[in-house]
Amino acid sequence: MKDAHELTLFARRPEAVSQRLKSIDLSDRFAVADFTGFTKEKNFDAIINFVGVGDPVQVAVMGASIFDVTLK
């Protein structure tokens, strides 16, 4: 049975996401797109934002400007 839900993964580096999905045998399950494809013309039932900085050193260097990442 096919899932009733559709998931689109928008990423800064879609090729890295696609590679990761391939490595865990999920490449045919989810659509992957560049952030530039995420526009207000698209309709989604829910948006889960995982945008952020993953490197603790970079977090410390960014300080309060880290909040600008979410605003973009």
PDB file of N, CA and C in Angstrom:
ATOM      1  N   MET A   1       0.840  -1.182   0.000  1.00  0.00           N
ATOM      2  CA  MET A   1       0.000   0.000   0.000  1.00  0.00           C
ATOM      3  C   MET A   1       0.885   1.244   0.000  1.00  0.00           C
ATOM      4  N   LYS A   2       0.593   2.160  -0.859  1.00  0.00           N
ATOM      5  CA  LYS A   2       1.362   3.404  -0.938  1.00  0.00           C
ATOM      6  C   LYS A   2       0.939   4.334   0.194  1.00  0.00           C
ATOM      7  N   ASP A   3       1.914   5.044   0.758  1.00  0.00           N
ATOM      8  CA  ASP A   3       1.610   6.012   1.817  1.00  0.00           C
ATOM      9  C   ASP A   3       0.646   7.072   1.308  1.00  0.00           C
ATOM     10  N   ALA A   4      -0.231   7.516   2.184  1.00  0.00           N
ATOM     11  CA  ALA A   4      -1.182   8.562   1.833  1.00  0.00           C
ATOM     12  C   ALA A   4      -0.559   9.947   1.981  1.00  0.00           C
ATOM     13  N   HIS A   5       0.671  10.001   2.433  1.00  0.00           N
ATOM     14  CA  HIS A   5       1.337  11.273   2.685  1.00  0.00           C
ATOM     15  C   HIS A   5       2.483  11.472   1.705  1.00  0.00           C
ATOM     16  N   GLU A   6       2.675  12.712   1.325  1.00  0.00           N
ATOM     17  CA  GLU A   6       3.763  13.075   0.431  1.00  0.00           C
ATOM     18  C   GLU A   6       4.699  14.004   1.189  1.00  0.00           C
ATOM     19  N   LEU A   7       5.983  13.766   1.075  1.00  0.00           N
ATOM     20  CA  LEU A   7       6.975  14.571   1.788  1.00  0.00           C
ATOM     21  C   LEU A   7       7.974  15.118   0.779  1.00  0.00           C
ATOM     22  N   THR A   8       8.174  16.426   0.809  1.00  0.00           N
ATOM     23  CA  THR A   8       9.172  17.072  -0.034  1.00  0.00           C
ATOM     24  C   THR A   8      10.248  17.650   0.872  1.00  0.00           C
ATOM     25  N   LEU A   9      11.481  17.298   0.605  1.00  0.00           N
ATOM     26  CA  LEU A   9      12.608  17.767   1.409  1.00  0.00           C
ATOM     27  C   LEU A   9      13.320  18.890   0.660  1.00  0.00           C
ATOM     28  N   PHE A  10      13.255  20.098   1.191  1.00  0.00           N
ATOM     29  CA  PHE A  10      13.966  21.235   0.611  1.00  0.00           C
ATOM     30  C   PHE A  10      15.292  21.381   1.353  1.00  0.00           C
ATOM     31  N   ALA A  11      16.370  21.601   0.610  1.00  0.00           N
ATOM     32  CA  ALA A  11      17.692  21.642   1.236  1.00  0.00           C
ATOM     33  C   ALA A  11      18.604  22.646   0.551  1.00  0.00           C
ATOM     34  N   ARG A  12      19.585  23.115   1.313  1.00  0.00           N
ATOM     35  CA  ARG A  12      20.624  23.966   0.722  1.00  0.00           C
ATOM     36  C   ARG A  12      21.465  23.162  -0.259  1.00  0.00           C
ATOM     37  N   ARG A  13      21.684  21.910   0.104  1.00  0.00           N
ATOM     38  CA  ARG A  13      22.486  21.009  -0.736  1.00  0.00           C
ATOM     39  C   ARG A  13      21.655  19.768  -1.062  1.00  0.00           C
ATOM     40  N   PRO A  14      20.741  19.888  -2.014  1.00  0.00           N
ATOM     41  CA  PRO A  14      19.858  18.760  -2.313  1.00  0.00           C
ATOM     42  C   PRO A  14      20.595  17.496  -2.743  1.00  0.00           C
ATOM     43  N   GLU A  15      21.745  17.669  -3.376  1.00  0.00           N
ATOM     44  CA  GLU A  15      22.509  16.484  -3.796  1.00  0.00           C
ATOM     45  C   GLU A  15      22.986  15.682  -2.591  1.00  0.00           C
ATOM     46  N   ALA A  16      23.318  16.350  -1.495  1.00  0.00           N
ATOM     47  CA  ALA A  16      23.742  15.648  -0.276  1.00  0.00           C
ATOM     48  C   ALA A  16      22.561  14.906   0.349  1.00  0.00           C
ATOM     49  N   VAL A  17      21.392  15.514   0.318  1.00  0.00           N
ATOM     50  CA  VAL A  17      20.197  14.857   0.854  1.00  0.00           C
ATOM     51  C   VAL A  17      19.851  13.639  -0.001  1.00  0.00           C
ATOM     52  N   SER A  18      19.905  13.810  -1.308  1.00  0.00           N
ATOM     53  CA  SER A  18      19.628  12.692  -2.212  1.00  0.00           C
ATOM     54  C   SER A  18      20.596  11.543  -1.989  1.00  0.00           C
ATOM     55  N   GLN A  19      21.852  11.871  -1.786  1.00  0.00           N
ATOM     56  CA  GLN A  19      22.867  10.843  -1.536  1.00  0.00           C
ATOM     57  C   GLN A  19      22.582  10.107  -0.226  1.00  0.00           C
ATOM     58  N   ARG A  20      22.194  10.858   0.788  1.00  0.00           N
ATOM     59  CA  ARG A  20      21.868  10.241   2.086  1.00  0.00           C
ATOM     60  C   ARG A  20      20.655   9.322   1.958  1.00  0.00           C
ATOM     61  N   LEU A  21      19.626   9.773   1.264  1.00  0.00           N
ATOM     62  CA  LEU A  21      18.443   8.930   1.060  1.00  0.00           C
ATOM     63  C   LEU A  21      18.804   7.658   0.305  1.00  0.00           C
ATOM     64  N   LYS A  22      19.674   7.790  -0.678  1.00  0.00           N
ATOM     65  CA  LYS A  22      20.120   6.620  -1.441  1.00  0.00           C
ATOM     66  C   LYS A  22      20.852   5.635  -0.535  1.00  0.00           C
ATOM     67  N   SER A  23      21.662   6.151   0.378  1.00  0.00           N
ATOM     68  CA  SER A  23      22.456   5.279   1.249  1.00  0.00           C
ATOM     69  C   SER A  23      21.596   4.486   2.239  1.00  0.00           C
ATOM     70  N   ILE A  24      20.376   4.957   2.478  1.00  0.00           N
ATOM     71  CA  ILE A  24      19.480   4.236   3.396  1.00  0.00           C
ATOM     72  C   ILE A  24      18.248   3.687   2.655  1.00  0.00           C
ATOM     73  N   ASP A  25      18.406   3.519   1.349  1.00  0.00           N
ATOM     74  CA  ASP A  25      17.368   2.929   0.489  1.00  0.00           C
ATOM     75  C   ASP A  25      16.031   3.651   0.545  1.00  0.00           C
ATOM     76  N   LEU A  26      16.067   4.963   0.583  1.00  0.00           N
ATOM     77  CA  LEU A  26      14.834   5.753   0.575  1.00  0.00           C
ATOM     78  C   LEU A  26      14.790   6.753  -0.576  1.00  0.00           C
ATOM     79  N   SER A  27      15.676   6.603  -1.553  1.00  0.00           N
ATOM     80  CA  SER A  27      15.766   7.589  -2.624  1.00  0.00           C
ATOM     81  C   SER A  27      14.509   7.649  -3.487  1.00  0.00           C
ATOM     82  N   ASP A  28      13.746   6.569  -3.535  1.00  0.00           N
ATOM     83  CA  ASP A  28      12.536   6.578  -4.355  1.00  0.00           C
ATOM     84  C   ASP A  28      11.287   6.965  -3.560  1.00  0.00           C
ATOM     85  N   ARG A  29      11.467   7.325  -2.318  1.00  0.00           N
ATOM     86  CA  ARG A  29      10.317   7.592  -1.440  1.00  0.00           C
ATOM     87  C   ARG A  29      10.008   9.078  -1.259  1.00  0.00           C
ATOM     88  N   PHE A  30      11.021   9.930  -1.321  1.00  0.00           N
ATOM     89  CA  PHE A  30      10.831  11.349  -1.036  1.00  0.00           C
ATOM     90  C   PHE A  30      11.372  12.224  -2.161  1.00  0.00           C
ATOM     91  N   ALA A  31      10.658  13.307  -2.426  1.00  0.00           N
ATOM     92  CA  ALA A  31      11.134  14.296  -3.398  1.00  0.00           C
ATOM     93  C   ALA A  31      12.142  15.205  -2.697  1.00  0.00           C
ATOM     94  N   VAL A  32      13.201  15.553  -3.395  1.00  0.00           N
ATOM     95  CA  VAL A  32      14.232  16.449  -2.852  1.00  0.00           C
ATOM     96  C   VAL A  32      14.353  17.641  -3.786  1.00  0.00           C
ATOM     97  N   ALA A  33      14.387  18.847  -3.206  1.00  0.00           N
ATOM     98  CA  ALA A  33      14.474  20.057  -4.021  1.00  0.00           C
ATOM     99  C   ALA A  33      15.362  21.094  -3.346  1.00  0.00           C
ATOM    100  N   ASP A  34      15.871  22.014  -4.143  1.00  0.00           N
ATOM    101  CA  ASP A  34      16.654  23.130  -3.635  1.00  0.00           C
ATOM    102  C   ASP A  34      15.710  24.129  -2.953  1.00  0.00           C
ATOM    103  N   PHE A  35      16.226  24.873  -1.975  1.00  0.00           N
ATOM    104  CA  PHE A  35      15.424  25.876  -1.278  1.00  0.00           C
ATOM    105  C   PHE A  35      14.768  26.861  -2.231  1.00  0.00           C
ATOM    106  N   THR A  36      15.398  27.126  -3.360  1.00  0.00           N
ATOM    107  CA  THR A  36      14.829  28.091  -4.299  1.00  0.00           C
ATOM    108  C   THR A  36      13.481  27.625  -4.840  1.00  0.00           C
ATOM    109  N   GLY A  37      13.200  26.330  -4.740  1.00  0.00           N
ATOM    110  CA  GLY A  37      11.926  25.790  -5.183  1.00  0.00           C
ATOM    111  C   GLY A  37      10.809  25.967  -4.172  1.00  0.00           C
ATOM    112  N   PHE A  38      11.137  26.428  -2.982  1.00  0.00           N
ATOM    113  CA  PHE A  38      10.139  26.636  -1.937  1.00  0.00           C
ATOM    114  C   PHE A  38       9.597  28.056  -2.063  1.00  0.00           C
ATOM    115  N   THR A  39       8.377  28.162  -2.547  1.00  0.00           N
ATOM    116  CA  THR A  39       7.772  29.476  -2.764  1.00  0.00           C
ATOM    117  C   THR A  39       6.397  29.530  -2.131  1.00  0.00           C
ATOM    118  N   LYS A  40       5.859  30.724  -2.012  1.00  0.00           N
ATOM    119  CA  LYS A  40       4.536  30.885  -1.408  1.00  0.00           C
ATOM    120  C   LYS A  40       3.432  30.348  -2.315  1.00  0.00           C
ATOM    121  N   GLU A  41       3.742  30.067  -3.558  1.00  0.00           N
ATOM    122  CA  GLU A  41       2.757  29.494  -4.467  1.00  0.00           C
ATOM    123  C   GLU A  41       2.531  28.008  -4.217  1.00  0.00           C
ATOM    124  N   LYS A  42       3.435  27.367  -3.508  1.00  0.00           N
ATOM    125  CA  LYS A  42       3.295  25.947  -3.177  1.00  0.00           C
ATOM    126  C   LYS A  42       2.341  25.797  -1.991  1.00  0.00           C
ATOM    127  N   ASN A  43       1.591  24.730  -1.989  1.00  0.00           N
ATOM    128  CA  ASN A  43       0.664  24.462  -0.888  1.00  0.00           C
ATOM    129  C   ASN A  43       1.092  23.220  -0.130  1.00  0.00           C
ATOM    130  N   PHE A  44       1.230  23.377   1.178  1.00  0.00           N
ATOM    131  CA  PHE A  44       1.591  22.269   2.051  1.00  0.00           C
ATOM    132  C   PHE A  44       0.637  22.264   3.238  1.00  0.00           C
ATOM    133  N   ASP A  45       0.331  21.087   3.733  1.00  0.00           N
ATOM    134  CA  ASP A  45      -0.499  20.968   4.939  1.00  0.00           C
ATOM    135  C   ASP A  45       0.303  21.292   6.187  1.00  0.00           C
ATOM    136  N   ALA A  46       1.582  21.025   6.144  1.00  0.00           N
ATOM    137  CA  ALA A  46       2.450  21.298   7.295  1.00  0.00           C
ATOM    138  C   ALA A  46       3.858  21.579   6.797  1.00  0.00           C
ATOM    139  N   ILE A  47       4.567  22.415   7.545  1.00  0.00           N
ATOM    140  CA  ILE A  47       5.967  22.719   7.243  1.00  0.00           C
ATOM    141  C   ILE A  47       6.755  22.486   8.519  1.00  0.00           C
ATOM    142  N   ILE A  48       7.767  21.655   8.420  1.00  0.00           N
ATOM    143  CA  ILE A  48       8.652  21.393   9.549  1.00  0.00           C
ATOM    144  C   ILE A  48      10.009  21.978   9.183  1.00  0.00           C
ATOM    145  N   ASN A  49      10.474  22.925   9.971  1.00  0.00           N
ATOM    146  CA  ASN A  49      11.702  23.648   9.662  1.00  0.00           C
ATOM    147  C   ASN A  49      12.869  23.056  10.443  1.00  0.00           C
ATOM    148  N   PHE A  50      13.800  22.453   9.709  1.00  0.00           N
ATOM    149  CA  PHE A  50      15.024  21.943  10.309  1.00  0.00           C
ATOM    150  C   PHE A  50      16.232  22.752   9.843  1.00  0.00           C
ATOM    151  N   VAL A  51      15.986  23.970   9.389  1.00  0.00           N
ATOM    152  CA  VAL A  51      17.064  24.838   8.918  1.00  0.00           C
ATOM    153  C   VAL A  51      17.860  25.307  10.122  1.00  0.00           C
ATOM    154  N   GLY A  52      19.148  25.272   9.995  1.00  0.00           N
ATOM    155  CA  GLY A  52      19.972  25.750  11.094  1.00  0.00           C
ATOM    156  C   GLY A  52      21.433  25.412  10.887  1.00  0.00           C
ATOM    157  N   VAL A  53      22.199  25.702  11.883  1.00  0.00           N
ATOM    158  CA  VAL A  53      23.630  25.453  11.857  1.00  0.00           C
ATOM    159  C   VAL A  53      23.898  24.171  12.636  1.00  0.00           C
ATOM    160  N   GLY A  54      24.613  23.247  12.035  1.00  0.00           N
ATOM    161  CA  GLY A  54      24.865  21.974  12.686  1.00  0.00           C
ATOM    162  C   GLY A  54      26.196  21.895  13.411  1.00  0.00           C
ATOM    163  N   ASP A  55      27.044  22.858  13.210  1.00  0.00           N
ATOM    164  CA  ASP A  55      28.384  22.843  13.797  1.00  0.00           C
ATOM    165  C   ASP A  55      28.411  23.744  15.031  1.00  0.00           C
ATOM    166  N   PRO A  56      28.619  23.175  16.229  1.00  0.00           N
ATOM    167  CA  PRO A  56      28.621  23.981  17.456  1.00  0.00           C
ATOM    168  C   PRO A  56      29.624  25.136  17.431  1.00  0.00           C
ATOM    169  N   VAL A  57      30.753  24.963  16.789  1.00  0.00           N
ATOM    170  CA  VAL A  57      31.742  26.041  16.702  1.00  0.00           C
ATOM    171  C   VAL A  57      31.174  27.196  15.890  1.00  0.00           C
ATOM    172  N   GLN A  58      30.502  26.868  14.793  1.00  0.00           N
ATOM    173  CA  GLN A  58      29.907  27.909  13.962  1.00  0.00           C
ATOM    174  C   GLN A  58      28.770  28.614  14.707  1.00  0.00           C
ATOM    175  N   VAL A  59      28.025  27.878  15.519  1.00  0.00           N
ATOM    176  CA  VAL A  59      26.967  28.481  16.332  1.00  0.00           C
ATOM    177  C   VAL A  59      27.566  29.536  17.257  1.00  0.00           C
ATOM    178  N   ALA A  60      28.664  29.199  17.913  1.00  0.00           N
ATOM    179  CA  ALA A  60      29.314  30.134  18.832  1.00  0.00           C
ATOM    180  C   ALA A  60      29.812  31.375  18.094  1.00  0.00           C
ATOM    181  N   VAL A  61      30.362  31.186  16.904  1.00  0.00           N
ATOM    182  CA  VAL A  61      30.879  32.312  16.126  1.00  0.00           C
ATOM    183  C   VAL A  61      29.736  33.222  15.662  1.00  0.00           C
ATOM    184  N   MET A  62      28.606  32.632  15.306  1.00  0.00           N
ATOM    185  CA  MET A  62      27.479  33.417  14.792  1.00  0.00           C
ATOM    186  C   MET A  62      26.784  34.234  15.876  1.00  0.00           C
ATOM    187  N   GLY A  63      26.817  33.757  17.101  1.00  0.00           N
ATOM    188  CA  GLY A  63      26.161  34.486  18.184  1.00  0.00           C
ATOM    189  C   GLY A  63      24.690  34.721  17.902  1.00  0.00           C
ATOM    190  N   ALA A  64      24.201  35.898  18.192  1.00  0.00           N
ATOM    191  CA  ALA A  64      22.778  36.223  18.028  1.00  0.00           C
ATOM    192  C   ALA A  64      22.358  36.262  16.566  1.00  0.00           C
ATOM    193  N   SER A  65      23.305  36.410  15.650  1.00  0.00           N
ATOM    194  CA  SER A  65      22.946  36.451  14.223  1.00  0.00           C
ATOM    195  C   SER A  65      22.429  35.107  13.715  1.00  0.00           C
ATOM    196  N   ILE A  66      22.533  34.073  14.543  1.00  0.00           N
ATOM    197  CA  ILE A  66      22.022  32.755  14.159  1.00  0.00           C
ATOM    198  C   ILE A  66      20.525  32.813  13.861  1.00  0.00           C
ATOM    199  N   PHE A  67      19.821  33.749  14.482  1.00  0.00           N
ATOM    200  CA  PHE A  67      18.377  33.865  14.266  1.00  0.00           C
ATOM    201  C   PHE A  67      18.066  34.326  12.846  1.00  0.00           C
ATOM    202  N   ASP A  68      19.015  34.964  12.189  1.00  0.00           N
ATOM    203  CA  ASP A  68      18.821  35.391  10.801  1.00  0.00           C
ATOM    204  C   ASP A  68      18.657  34.188   9.863  1.00  0.00           C
ATOM    205  N   VAL A  69      19.262  33.057  10.209  1.00  0.00           N
ATOM    206  CA  VAL A  69      19.142  31.847   9.390  1.00  0.00           C
ATOM    207  C   VAL A  69      17.680  31.440   9.288  1.00  0.00           C
ATOM    208  N   THR A  70      16.979  31.480  10.394  1.00  0.00           N
ATOM    209  CA  THR A  70      15.568  31.105  10.387  1.00  0.00           C
ATOM    210  C   THR A  70      14.729  32.121   9.629  1.00  0.00           C
ATOM    211  N   LEU A  71      15.067  33.377   9.728  1.00  0.00           N
ATOM    212  CA  LEU A  71      14.293  34.400   9.039  1.00  0.00           C
ATOM    213  C   LEU A  71      14.368  34.273   7.530  1.00  0.00           C
ATOM    214  N   LYS A  72      15.499  33.778   7.027  1.00  0.00           N
ATOM    215  CA  LYS A  72      15.645  33.588   5.577  1.00  0.00           C
ATOM    216  C   LYS A  72      14.767  32.468   5.118  1.00  0.00           C
TER     217      LYS A  72
END
